[in-house]
N, C-alpha and C. Protein backbone atom coordinates (compact mmCIF):
# COMPACT_ATOMS: atom_id res chain seq x y z
N UNK A 1 70.98 50.67 95.05
CA UNK A 1 72.16 49.81 95.11
C UNK A 1 73.29 50.56 95.80
N UNK A 2 73.95 49.88 96.72
CA UNK A 2 75.05 50.48 97.47
C UNK A 2 76.34 50.32 96.67
N UNK A 3 77.08 51.40 96.55
CA UNK A 3 78.36 51.39 95.85
C UNK A 3 79.31 52.35 96.54
N UNK A 4 80.60 52.24 96.20
CA UNK A 4 81.63 53.09 96.79
C UNK A 4 82.34 53.82 95.66
N UNK A 5 82.53 55.13 95.86
CA UNK A 5 83.20 55.93 94.84
C UNK A 5 84.70 55.65 94.80
N UNK A 6 85.30 55.34 95.95
CA UNK A 6 86.75 55.06 96.02
C UNK A 6 86.94 53.71 96.72
N UNK A 7 86.65 52.64 95.99
CA UNK A 7 86.71 51.30 96.57
C UNK A 7 88.14 50.89 96.92
N UNK A 8 89.12 51.53 96.29
CA UNK A 8 90.52 51.14 96.52
C UNK A 8 90.98 51.48 97.94
N UNK A 9 90.27 52.33 98.65
CA UNK A 9 90.68 52.72 100.00
C UNK A 9 90.65 51.51 100.94
N UNK A 10 89.83 50.51 100.66
CA UNK A 10 89.77 49.34 101.53
C UNK A 10 91.06 48.53 101.50
N UNK A 11 91.93 48.80 100.53
CA UNK A 11 93.25 48.15 100.54
C UNK A 11 94.10 48.62 101.71
N UNK A 12 93.71 49.72 102.36
CA UNK A 12 94.44 50.22 103.52
C UNK A 12 94.01 49.55 104.82
N UNK A 13 93.10 48.60 104.75
CA UNK A 13 92.60 47.96 105.98
C UNK A 13 93.71 47.28 106.79
N UNK A 14 94.65 46.54 106.18
CA UNK A 14 95.71 45.91 107.01
C UNK A 14 96.85 46.83 107.38
N UNK A 15 96.73 48.14 107.12
CA UNK A 15 97.83 49.05 107.42
C UNK A 15 98.19 49.08 108.90
N UNK A 16 97.25 49.13 109.85
CA UNK A 16 97.66 49.11 111.27
C UNK A 16 98.41 47.85 111.66
N UNK A 17 98.02 46.69 111.11
CA UNK A 17 98.75 45.46 111.43
C UNK A 17 100.16 45.50 110.88
N UNK A 18 100.33 46.06 109.69
CA UNK A 18 101.68 46.17 109.14
C UNK A 18 102.55 47.10 109.96
N UNK A 19 101.96 48.22 110.41
CA UNK A 19 102.73 49.14 111.24
C UNK A 19 103.10 48.49 112.57
N UNK A 20 102.15 47.75 113.17
CA UNK A 20 102.42 47.07 114.45
C UNK A 20 103.49 45.99 114.29
N UNK A 21 103.52 45.35 113.12
CA UNK A 21 104.47 44.27 112.90
C UNK A 21 105.85 44.79 112.48
N UNK A 22 105.89 45.84 111.65
CA UNK A 22 107.16 46.33 111.13
C UNK A 22 107.82 47.35 112.03
N UNK A 23 107.03 48.14 112.75
CA UNK A 23 107.59 49.17 113.62
C UNK A 23 107.55 48.67 115.05
N UNK A 24 108.68 48.37 115.66
CA UNK A 24 108.67 47.84 117.03
C UNK A 24 108.30 48.93 118.04
N UNK A 25 107.75 48.49 119.14
CA UNK A 25 107.39 49.43 120.20
C UNK A 25 108.64 49.97 120.88
N UNK A 26 108.55 51.21 121.32
CA UNK A 26 109.70 51.82 121.98
C UNK A 26 109.86 51.25 123.39
N UNK A 27 111.05 50.83 123.71
CA UNK A 27 111.34 50.25 125.02
C UNK A 27 111.82 51.34 125.96
N UNK A 28 111.21 51.41 127.12
CA UNK A 28 111.59 52.39 128.14
C UNK A 28 112.17 51.66 129.36
N UNK A 29 113.27 52.16 129.85
CA UNK A 29 113.91 51.59 131.04
C UNK A 29 113.69 52.54 132.21
N UNK A 30 112.96 52.07 133.19
CA UNK A 30 112.69 52.86 134.38
C UNK A 30 113.09 52.05 135.60
N UNK A 31 113.62 52.70 136.63
CA UNK A 31 114.00 51.97 137.85
C UNK A 31 112.77 51.40 138.54
N UNK A 32 112.89 50.18 139.04
CA UNK A 32 111.77 49.50 139.70
C UNK A 32 112.30 48.64 140.84
N UNK A 33 111.43 48.35 141.77
CA UNK A 33 111.74 47.48 142.91
C UNK A 33 110.95 46.20 142.77
N UNK A 34 111.61 45.10 142.83
CA UNK A 34 110.95 43.80 142.73
C UNK A 34 110.41 43.39 144.09
N UNK A 35 109.11 43.24 144.16
CA UNK A 35 108.45 42.88 145.41
C UNK A 35 107.85 41.49 145.24
N UNK A 36 108.26 40.49 145.99
CA UNK A 36 107.72 39.13 145.79
C UNK A 36 106.28 38.98 146.25
N UNK A 37 105.81 39.89 147.11
CA UNK A 37 104.45 39.75 147.63
C UNK A 37 103.53 40.82 147.03
N UNK A 38 103.75 41.18 145.76
CA UNK A 38 102.96 42.25 145.16
C UNK A 38 101.48 41.88 145.05
N UNK A 39 101.20 40.60 144.82
CA UNK A 39 99.79 40.19 144.72
C UNK A 39 99.07 40.37 146.05
N UNK A 40 99.75 40.03 147.17
CA UNK A 40 99.15 40.21 148.49
C UNK A 40 99.00 41.69 148.81
N UNK A 41 99.96 42.48 148.32
CA UNK A 41 99.88 43.91 148.56
C UNK A 41 98.69 44.52 147.84
N UNK A 42 98.46 44.10 146.61
CA UNK A 42 97.30 44.60 145.86
C UNK A 42 96.00 44.14 146.49
N UNK A 43 95.95 42.92 146.97
CA UNK A 43 94.73 42.42 147.60
C UNK A 43 94.42 43.17 148.88
N UNK A 44 95.44 43.50 149.65
CA UNK A 44 95.23 44.22 150.90
C UNK A 44 94.88 45.68 150.66
N UNK A 45 95.44 46.28 149.62
CA UNK A 45 95.19 47.68 149.36
C UNK A 45 94.04 47.95 148.43
N UNK A 46 93.28 46.98 148.08
CA UNK A 46 92.13 47.19 147.19
C UNK A 46 92.39 46.76 145.77
N UNK A 47 93.65 46.68 145.36
CA UNK A 47 93.96 46.17 144.04
C UNK A 47 93.78 47.22 142.96
N UNK A 48 94.50 47.03 141.90
CA UNK A 48 94.37 47.90 140.73
C UNK A 48 93.72 47.10 139.65
N UNK A 49 92.41 47.14 139.61
CA UNK A 49 91.67 46.33 138.64
C UNK A 49 91.66 47.00 137.28
N UNK A 50 91.64 46.21 136.28
CA UNK A 50 91.55 46.71 134.91
C UNK A 50 90.19 46.38 134.35
N UNK A 51 89.74 47.18 133.43
CA UNK A 51 88.40 47.01 132.87
C UNK A 51 88.35 46.05 131.71
N UNK A 52 89.46 45.50 131.30
CA UNK A 52 89.44 44.51 130.23
C UNK A 52 89.44 45.09 128.83
N UNK A 53 89.37 46.45 128.72
CA UNK A 53 89.35 47.05 127.40
C UNK A 53 90.69 47.62 126.99
N UNK A 54 91.62 47.76 127.97
CA UNK A 54 92.92 48.31 127.63
C UNK A 54 93.71 47.35 126.75
N UNK A 55 93.67 46.07 127.07
CA UNK A 55 94.39 45.06 126.32
C UNK A 55 93.46 43.89 126.07
N UNK A 56 93.88 43.02 125.15
CA UNK A 56 93.11 41.83 124.92
C UNK A 56 92.30 41.89 123.64
N UNK A 57 91.54 40.82 123.38
CA UNK A 57 90.80 40.75 122.12
C UNK A 57 89.69 41.79 122.01
N UNK A 58 89.11 42.21 123.14
CA UNK A 58 88.04 43.22 123.07
C UNK A 58 88.57 44.53 122.53
N UNK A 59 89.71 44.96 123.02
CA UNK A 59 90.32 46.20 122.53
C UNK A 59 90.68 46.08 121.05
N UNK A 60 91.19 44.92 120.65
CA UNK A 60 91.55 44.72 119.25
C UNK A 60 90.33 44.81 118.34
N UNK A 61 89.23 44.21 118.77
CA UNK A 61 88.00 44.24 117.95
C UNK A 61 87.44 45.65 117.85
N UNK A 62 87.44 46.37 118.97
CA UNK A 62 86.88 47.74 118.97
C UNK A 62 87.71 48.65 118.07
N UNK A 63 89.01 48.60 118.21
CA UNK A 63 89.86 49.46 117.38
C UNK A 63 89.78 49.08 115.91
N UNK A 64 89.72 47.78 115.63
CA UNK A 64 89.56 47.36 114.23
C UNK A 64 88.24 47.81 113.64
N UNK A 65 87.18 47.77 114.45
CA UNK A 65 85.87 48.21 113.96
C UNK A 65 85.87 49.70 113.66
N UNK A 66 86.47 50.49 114.54
CA UNK A 66 86.54 51.94 114.30
C UNK A 66 87.36 52.24 113.05
N UNK A 67 88.46 51.52 112.86
CA UNK A 67 89.30 51.72 111.67
C UNK A 67 88.54 51.39 110.40
N UNK A 68 87.81 50.29 110.38
CA UNK A 68 87.04 49.92 109.20
C UNK A 68 85.92 50.92 108.92
N UNK A 69 85.31 51.45 109.95
CA UNK A 69 84.25 52.45 109.75
C UNK A 69 84.83 53.74 109.16
N UNK A 70 86.00 54.13 109.63
CA UNK A 70 86.64 55.33 109.06
C UNK A 70 87.00 55.10 107.60
N UNK A 71 87.51 53.93 107.27
CA UNK A 71 87.82 53.62 105.87
C UNK A 71 86.55 53.60 105.02
N UNK A 72 85.47 53.10 105.57
CA UNK A 72 84.21 53.10 104.83
C UNK A 72 83.74 54.51 104.52
N UNK A 73 83.93 55.42 105.47
CA UNK A 73 83.54 56.81 105.22
C UNK A 73 84.44 57.45 104.16
N UNK A 74 85.75 57.15 104.22
CA UNK A 74 86.66 57.71 103.21
C UNK A 74 86.41 57.14 101.83
N UNK A 75 85.90 55.92 101.75
CA UNK A 75 85.58 55.32 100.45
C UNK A 75 84.36 55.94 99.81
N UNK A 76 83.66 56.82 100.53
CA UNK A 76 82.50 57.55 100.04
C UNK A 76 81.39 56.61 99.55
N UNK A 77 80.71 56.00 100.49
CA UNK A 77 79.58 55.14 100.10
C UNK A 77 78.44 55.96 99.50
N UNK A 78 77.80 55.41 98.49
CA UNK A 78 76.71 56.09 97.79
C UNK A 78 75.60 55.09 97.52
N UNK A 79 74.39 55.61 97.55
CA UNK A 79 73.22 54.80 97.23
C UNK A 79 72.68 55.27 95.89
N UNK A 80 72.68 54.37 94.92
CA UNK A 80 72.21 54.69 93.58
C UNK A 80 70.72 54.42 93.47
N UNK A 81 69.98 55.45 93.06
CA UNK A 81 68.55 55.30 92.87
C UNK A 81 68.27 54.64 91.53
N UNK A 82 67.00 54.41 91.27
CA UNK A 82 66.61 53.85 89.98
C UNK A 82 66.91 54.84 88.85
N UNK A 83 67.33 54.35 87.70
CA UNK A 83 67.67 55.28 86.61
C UNK A 83 66.45 56.04 86.11
N UNK A 84 66.66 57.29 85.82
CA UNK A 84 65.63 58.16 85.24
C UNK A 84 65.96 58.35 83.77
N UNK A 85 65.05 57.95 82.92
CA UNK A 85 65.27 58.02 81.48
C UNK A 85 64.43 59.15 80.88
N UNK A 86 64.99 59.82 79.91
CA UNK A 86 64.30 60.90 79.22
C UNK A 86 64.58 60.78 77.72
N UNK A 87 63.54 60.87 76.95
CA UNK A 87 63.66 60.76 75.50
C UNK A 87 63.93 62.15 74.94
N UNK A 88 65.05 62.28 74.22
CA UNK A 88 65.44 63.57 73.65
C UNK A 88 65.50 63.42 72.14
N UNK A 89 64.55 64.03 71.42
CA UNK A 89 64.62 63.98 69.95
C UNK A 89 65.69 64.93 69.44
N UNK A 90 66.49 64.46 68.55
CA UNK A 90 67.57 65.28 67.98
C UNK A 90 67.51 65.23 66.46
N UNK A 91 68.08 66.25 65.86
CA UNK A 91 68.13 66.33 64.40
C UNK A 91 69.52 66.80 64.00
N UNK A 92 70.10 66.11 63.07
CA UNK A 92 71.37 66.52 62.48
C UNK A 92 71.08 67.10 61.11
N UNK A 93 71.23 68.41 60.99
CA UNK A 93 70.90 69.10 59.75
C UNK A 93 72.17 69.56 59.04
N UNK A 94 72.22 69.29 57.77
CA UNK A 94 73.29 69.77 56.91
C UNK A 94 72.64 70.38 55.67
N UNK A 95 72.75 71.69 55.53
CA UNK A 95 72.09 72.40 54.43
C UNK A 95 73.08 72.55 53.28
N UNK A 96 72.71 71.99 52.15
CA UNK A 96 73.49 72.11 50.92
C UNK A 96 72.60 72.77 49.86
N UNK A 97 73.03 73.87 49.33
CA UNK A 97 72.25 74.62 48.33
C UNK A 97 73.00 74.56 47.00
N UNK A 98 72.28 74.09 45.99
CA UNK A 98 72.85 74.00 44.64
C UNK A 98 72.74 75.36 43.98
N UNK A 99 73.84 75.88 43.48
CA UNK A 99 73.85 77.19 42.82
C UNK A 99 74.14 77.08 41.32
N UNK A 100 73.89 75.90 40.78
CA UNK A 100 74.13 75.73 39.35
C UNK A 100 72.98 76.34 38.55
N UNK A 101 73.10 76.25 37.24
CA UNK A 101 72.09 76.83 36.37
C UNK A 101 70.74 76.14 36.46
N UNK A 102 70.71 74.89 36.93
CA UNK A 102 69.44 74.19 37.03
C UNK A 102 68.51 74.81 38.07
N UNK A 103 69.05 75.63 38.97
CA UNK A 103 68.23 76.27 39.99
C UNK A 103 67.38 77.40 39.43
N UNK A 104 67.57 77.74 38.17
CA UNK A 104 66.78 78.81 37.55
C UNK A 104 65.45 78.31 37.00
N UNK A 105 65.26 77.02 37.01
CA UNK A 105 63.99 76.49 36.48
C UNK A 105 62.85 76.83 37.44
N UNK A 106 61.75 77.31 36.87
CA UNK A 106 60.58 77.67 37.67
C UNK A 106 59.62 76.49 37.74
N UNK A 107 59.94 75.55 38.57
CA UNK A 107 59.08 74.39 38.75
C UNK A 107 58.58 74.26 40.19
N UNK A 108 58.64 75.36 40.97
CA UNK A 108 58.10 75.40 42.33
C UNK A 108 57.12 76.56 42.44
N UNK A 109 56.29 76.49 43.44
CA UNK A 109 55.36 77.58 43.71
C UNK A 109 55.59 78.06 45.13
N UNK A 110 55.38 79.37 45.35
CA UNK A 110 55.59 79.94 46.68
C UNK A 110 54.31 79.83 47.51
N UNK A 111 54.28 80.52 48.62
CA UNK A 111 53.12 80.44 49.51
C UNK A 111 51.87 81.03 48.89
N UNK A 112 52.03 81.98 47.96
CA UNK A 112 50.87 82.60 47.31
C UNK A 112 50.41 81.84 46.07
N UNK A 113 51.14 80.79 45.70
CA UNK A 113 50.75 80.01 44.54
C UNK A 113 51.40 80.44 43.24
N UNK A 114 52.26 81.43 43.27
CA UNK A 114 52.94 81.89 42.06
C UNK A 114 54.15 81.01 41.77
N UNK A 115 54.43 80.76 40.51
CA UNK A 115 55.61 79.94 40.17
C UNK A 115 56.90 80.70 40.45
N UNK A 116 57.83 80.02 41.06
CA UNK A 116 59.15 80.60 41.35
C UNK A 116 60.21 79.56 40.97
N UNK A 117 61.42 80.05 40.83
CA UNK A 117 62.49 79.11 40.50
C UNK A 117 62.92 78.36 41.76
N UNK A 118 63.80 77.41 41.57
CA UNK A 118 64.21 76.54 42.68
C UNK A 118 64.99 77.30 43.75
N UNK A 119 65.82 78.25 43.33
CA UNK A 119 66.62 78.99 44.29
C UNK A 119 65.74 79.85 45.19
N UNK A 120 64.72 80.49 44.61
CA UNK A 120 63.81 81.30 45.42
C UNK A 120 63.01 80.42 46.39
N UNK A 121 62.66 79.21 45.95
CA UNK A 121 61.92 78.30 46.83
C UNK A 121 62.80 77.89 48.02
N UNK A 122 64.09 77.65 47.74
CA UNK A 122 65.01 77.29 48.83
C UNK A 122 65.17 78.46 49.80
N UNK A 123 65.29 79.66 49.27
CA UNK A 123 65.43 80.84 50.14
C UNK A 123 64.19 81.02 51.01
N UNK A 124 63.02 80.73 50.45
CA UNK A 124 61.79 80.87 51.22
C UNK A 124 61.74 79.88 52.39
N UNK A 125 62.12 78.64 52.10
CA UNK A 125 62.11 77.62 53.15
C UNK A 125 63.16 77.93 54.22
N UNK A 126 64.36 78.28 53.78
CA UNK A 126 65.41 78.60 54.75
C UNK A 126 65.10 79.87 55.51
N UNK A 127 64.44 80.79 54.88
CA UNK A 127 64.05 82.01 55.58
C UNK A 127 63.08 81.72 56.71
N UNK A 128 62.13 80.82 56.43
CA UNK A 128 61.22 80.44 57.52
C UNK A 128 61.97 79.79 58.67
N UNK A 129 62.99 79.01 58.35
CA UNK A 129 63.73 78.31 59.40
C UNK A 129 64.56 79.28 60.25
N UNK A 130 65.27 80.19 59.59
CA UNK A 130 66.16 81.08 60.33
C UNK A 130 65.43 82.25 60.98
N UNK A 131 64.26 82.58 60.51
CA UNK A 131 63.52 83.71 61.06
C UNK A 131 62.44 83.29 62.04
N UNK A 132 62.43 82.03 62.44
CA UNK A 132 61.42 81.58 63.41
C UNK A 132 61.67 82.26 64.75
N UNK A 133 60.59 82.78 65.36
CA UNK A 133 60.69 83.58 66.58
C UNK A 133 60.29 82.81 67.83
N UNK A 134 59.61 81.68 67.70
CA UNK A 134 59.17 80.96 68.89
C UNK A 134 59.18 79.47 68.59
N UNK A 135 58.84 78.68 69.62
CA UNK A 135 58.86 77.23 69.48
C UNK A 135 57.76 76.72 68.55
N UNK A 136 56.65 77.42 68.51
CA UNK A 136 55.56 76.95 67.64
C UNK A 136 55.96 77.00 66.18
N UNK A 137 56.62 78.08 65.80
CA UNK A 137 57.07 78.16 64.41
C UNK A 137 58.14 77.12 64.11
N UNK A 138 59.04 76.91 65.07
CA UNK A 138 60.06 75.88 64.87
C UNK A 138 59.43 74.49 64.79
N UNK A 139 58.40 74.25 65.62
CA UNK A 139 57.74 72.95 65.57
C UNK A 139 57.11 72.70 64.21
N UNK A 140 56.53 73.76 63.63
CA UNK A 140 55.97 73.61 62.29
C UNK A 140 57.02 73.29 61.24
N UNK A 141 58.19 73.95 61.37
CA UNK A 141 59.28 73.67 60.43
C UNK A 141 59.80 72.25 60.62
N UNK A 142 59.93 71.83 61.87
CA UNK A 142 60.40 70.46 62.13
C UNK A 142 59.41 69.42 61.62
N UNK A 143 58.15 69.75 61.70
CA UNK A 143 57.15 68.82 61.18
C UNK A 143 57.29 68.65 59.69
N UNK A 144 57.55 69.74 59.01
CA UNK A 144 57.78 69.65 57.55
C UNK A 144 59.05 68.87 57.25
N UNK A 145 60.09 69.05 58.11
CA UNK A 145 61.32 68.30 57.89
C UNK A 145 61.13 66.82 58.18
N UNK A 146 60.28 66.50 59.17
CA UNK A 146 60.04 65.09 59.48
C UNK A 146 59.34 64.37 58.34
N UNK A 147 58.56 65.12 57.57
CA UNK A 147 57.92 64.51 56.41
C UNK A 147 58.93 64.15 55.34
N UNK A 148 60.06 64.87 55.35
CA UNK A 148 61.11 64.58 54.38
C UNK A 148 62.04 63.48 54.87
N UNK A 149 62.46 63.59 56.12
CA UNK A 149 63.40 62.63 56.70
C UNK A 149 63.05 62.44 58.16
N UNK A 150 63.10 61.20 58.62
CA UNK A 150 62.77 60.91 60.01
C UNK A 150 63.89 61.43 60.92
N UNK A 151 63.52 61.78 62.13
CA UNK A 151 64.47 62.29 63.09
C UNK A 151 65.00 61.16 63.98
N UNK A 152 66.15 61.40 64.57
CA UNK A 152 66.77 60.43 65.48
C UNK A 152 66.33 60.72 66.91
N UNK A 153 65.97 59.66 67.61
CA UNK A 153 65.50 59.79 68.98
C UNK A 153 66.54 59.14 69.89
N UNK A 154 67.05 59.91 70.85
CA UNK A 154 68.04 59.42 71.80
C UNK A 154 67.41 59.34 73.20
N UNK A 155 67.82 58.33 73.95
CA UNK A 155 67.34 58.14 75.32
C UNK A 155 68.48 58.45 76.28
N UNK A 156 68.28 59.45 77.11
CA UNK A 156 69.28 59.86 78.10
C UNK A 156 68.90 59.28 79.44
N UNK A 157 69.84 58.57 80.08
CA UNK A 157 69.60 57.91 81.36
C UNK A 157 70.45 58.57 82.43
N UNK A 158 69.85 58.78 83.59
CA UNK A 158 70.54 59.39 84.72
C UNK A 158 70.13 58.68 86.00
N UNK A 159 71.12 58.33 86.84
CA UNK A 159 70.86 57.64 88.11
C UNK A 159 71.21 58.58 89.26
N UNK A 160 70.24 59.07 89.98
CA UNK A 160 70.55 59.92 91.15
C UNK A 160 71.28 59.11 92.22
N UNK A 161 72.15 59.78 92.95
CA UNK A 161 72.92 59.11 93.99
C UNK A 161 72.91 59.96 95.25
N UNK A 162 72.92 59.27 96.39
CA UNK A 162 72.94 59.92 97.69
C UNK A 162 74.21 59.52 98.44
N UNK A 163 74.90 60.49 99.00
CA UNK A 163 76.11 60.21 99.77
C UNK A 163 75.74 59.70 101.16
N UNK A 164 76.43 58.65 101.59
CA UNK A 164 76.17 58.02 102.89
C UNK A 164 77.41 57.99 103.78
N UNK A 165 78.38 58.85 103.49
CA UNK A 165 79.64 58.78 104.24
C UNK A 165 79.46 59.17 105.71
N UNK A 166 78.43 59.96 106.02
CA UNK A 166 78.27 60.41 107.40
C UNK A 166 77.79 59.29 108.32
N UNK A 167 77.16 58.24 107.77
CA UNK A 167 76.72 57.13 108.62
C UNK A 167 77.90 56.35 109.21
N UNK A 168 78.91 55.94 108.43
CA UNK A 168 80.07 55.27 109.05
C UNK A 168 80.81 56.17 110.04
N UNK A 169 80.89 57.48 109.74
CA UNK A 169 81.56 58.38 110.67
C UNK A 169 80.81 58.46 112.00
N UNK A 170 79.48 58.55 111.92
CA UNK A 170 78.68 58.59 113.15
C UNK A 170 78.81 57.29 113.94
N UNK A 171 78.83 56.16 113.24
CA UNK A 171 78.98 54.87 113.94
C UNK A 171 80.35 54.77 114.62
N UNK A 172 81.41 55.22 113.92
CA UNK A 172 82.75 55.19 114.54
C UNK A 172 82.81 56.09 115.76
N UNK A 173 82.16 57.25 115.68
CA UNK A 173 82.16 58.16 116.83
C UNK A 173 81.40 57.56 118.01
N UNK A 174 80.27 56.92 117.74
CA UNK A 174 79.49 56.30 118.82
C UNK A 174 80.25 55.15 119.48
N UNK A 175 80.90 54.33 118.68
CA UNK A 175 81.67 53.21 119.24
C UNK A 175 82.82 53.73 120.10
N UNK A 176 83.50 54.77 119.62
CA UNK A 176 84.61 55.33 120.38
C UNK A 176 84.11 55.97 121.68
N UNK A 177 83.00 56.69 121.63
CA UNK A 177 82.46 57.30 122.84
C UNK A 177 82.00 56.24 123.84
N UNK A 178 81.37 55.18 123.34
CA UNK A 178 80.92 54.12 124.24
C UNK A 178 82.10 53.42 124.92
N UNK A 179 83.16 53.20 124.16
CA UNK A 179 84.34 52.54 124.74
C UNK A 179 84.99 53.40 125.82
N UNK A 180 85.17 54.69 125.53
CA UNK A 180 85.80 55.57 126.51
C UNK A 180 84.89 55.80 127.72
N UNK A 181 83.59 55.82 127.50
CA UNK A 181 82.67 55.97 128.63
C UNK A 181 82.74 54.74 129.55
N UNK A 182 82.83 53.56 128.94
CA UNK A 182 82.95 52.35 129.75
C UNK A 182 84.25 52.34 130.54
N UNK A 183 85.34 52.77 129.94
CA UNK A 183 86.61 52.85 130.66
C UNK A 183 86.51 53.83 131.83
N UNK A 184 85.86 54.96 131.59
CA UNK A 184 85.75 55.97 132.64
C UNK A 184 84.90 55.47 133.80
N UNK A 185 83.79 54.81 133.50
CA UNK A 185 82.91 54.32 134.56
C UNK A 185 83.57 53.22 135.38
N UNK A 186 84.19 52.27 134.70
CA UNK A 186 84.85 51.18 135.43
C UNK A 186 86.04 51.68 136.21
N UNK A 187 86.76 52.70 135.70
CA UNK A 187 87.89 53.27 136.44
C UNK A 187 87.45 53.98 137.70
N UNK A 188 86.31 54.69 137.62
CA UNK A 188 85.80 55.36 138.81
C UNK A 188 85.29 54.35 139.84
N UNK A 189 84.67 53.28 139.36
CA UNK A 189 84.19 52.27 140.30
C UNK A 189 85.34 51.58 141.02
N UNK A 190 86.45 51.39 140.34
CA UNK A 190 87.60 50.75 140.99
C UNK A 190 88.32 51.70 141.93
N UNK A 191 88.16 53.01 141.69
CA UNK A 191 88.87 53.98 142.52
C UNK A 191 88.10 54.36 143.77
N UNK A 192 86.87 53.88 143.95
CA UNK A 192 86.08 54.21 145.13
C UNK A 192 86.71 53.54 146.35
N UNK A 193 87.02 54.28 147.40
CA UNK A 193 87.65 53.66 148.59
C UNK A 193 86.65 52.77 149.31
N UNK A 194 87.16 51.75 149.93
CA UNK A 194 86.32 50.78 150.62
C UNK A 194 85.80 51.29 151.96
N UNK A 195 86.34 52.39 152.49
CA UNK A 195 85.90 52.94 153.76
C UNK A 195 86.66 52.39 154.95
N UNK A 196 87.40 51.33 154.77
CA UNK A 196 88.18 50.72 155.84
C UNK A 196 89.63 50.71 155.41
N UNK A 197 90.46 51.44 156.13
CA UNK A 197 91.87 51.52 155.81
C UNK A 197 92.64 50.44 156.55
N UNK A 198 93.70 50.01 155.94
CA UNK A 198 94.54 48.97 156.54
C UNK A 198 95.98 49.42 156.49
N UNK A 199 96.69 49.15 157.57
CA UNK A 199 98.11 49.46 157.66
C UNK A 199 98.91 48.18 157.45
N UNK A 200 99.92 48.29 156.61
CA UNK A 200 100.72 47.12 156.27
C UNK A 200 102.15 47.32 156.75
N UNK A 201 102.77 46.20 157.09
CA UNK A 201 104.17 46.24 157.47
C UNK A 201 104.81 44.91 157.10
N UNK A 202 106.10 44.93 156.95
CA UNK A 202 106.86 43.73 156.60
C UNK A 202 107.56 43.23 157.87
N UNK A 203 107.34 41.98 158.14
CA UNK A 203 107.98 41.34 159.30
C UNK A 203 109.46 41.20 158.99
N UNK A 204 110.29 41.76 159.86
CA UNK A 204 111.73 41.76 159.62
C UNK A 204 112.36 40.39 159.81
N UNK A 205 111.66 39.51 160.47
CA UNK A 205 112.20 38.18 160.72
C UNK A 205 111.78 37.19 159.63
N UNK A 206 110.49 37.23 159.31
CA UNK A 206 109.98 36.28 158.30
C UNK A 206 109.84 36.91 156.92
N UNK A 207 109.98 38.23 156.85
CA UNK A 207 109.83 38.97 155.60
C UNK A 207 108.48 38.74 154.94
N UNK A 208 107.47 38.59 155.78
CA UNK A 208 106.11 38.43 155.29
C UNK A 208 105.33 39.70 155.55
N UNK A 209 104.31 39.89 154.72
CA UNK A 209 103.49 41.07 154.83
C UNK A 209 102.41 40.86 155.89
N UNK A 210 102.33 41.82 156.83
CA UNK A 210 101.34 41.72 157.90
C UNK A 210 100.42 42.92 157.87
N UNK A 211 99.18 42.70 158.26
CA UNK A 211 98.19 43.76 158.29
C UNK A 211 97.96 44.19 159.72
N UNK A 212 98.04 45.49 159.94
CA UNK A 212 97.85 46.04 161.27
C UNK A 212 96.47 46.70 161.34
N UNK A 213 95.74 46.44 162.38
CA UNK A 213 94.42 47.03 162.56
C UNK A 213 94.58 48.46 163.06
């Protein structure tokens, strides 16, 4: 299952539009000459063609796509695997030893079959528990305890996750490289000279643009 560790980052998606709307573009005043026949001048000189990616809806879509991909990477996408469950048996032990006079009654027998009082029987059992040296001895003690009281079984669940943030970053990089490569190729194609030069002049009488061979 696909999930995001920081889903709130997608609230930043309209941030570029807010900046474009609230922060006006800086106006620059540069001296210019108004030429009424600029279109004819561009046609005669080869023209300054644009590749269509500098302005317009294509540029808006490309930049918006790159911005969303960057936000997706910052949101840290993760793929959650199937949960792995493990059964963990647990025991809550509370040892209470009675030290009253009733513990002096010899109504228990030890491992050798000799009668012992209750306090000595408790010491023998607790001694086996605290002096156990390996898991086998502890398992035997736990088995004896299970005969007295059942143990609690807990199920621990864990879902492995894989980070996928590098995929949106790679996609944003590829889109940006493709866009800039297209701009570079179209710019070079427009800059190739036609091989035939033309001389232009303005007619002083009619103020029209003329081409000289």
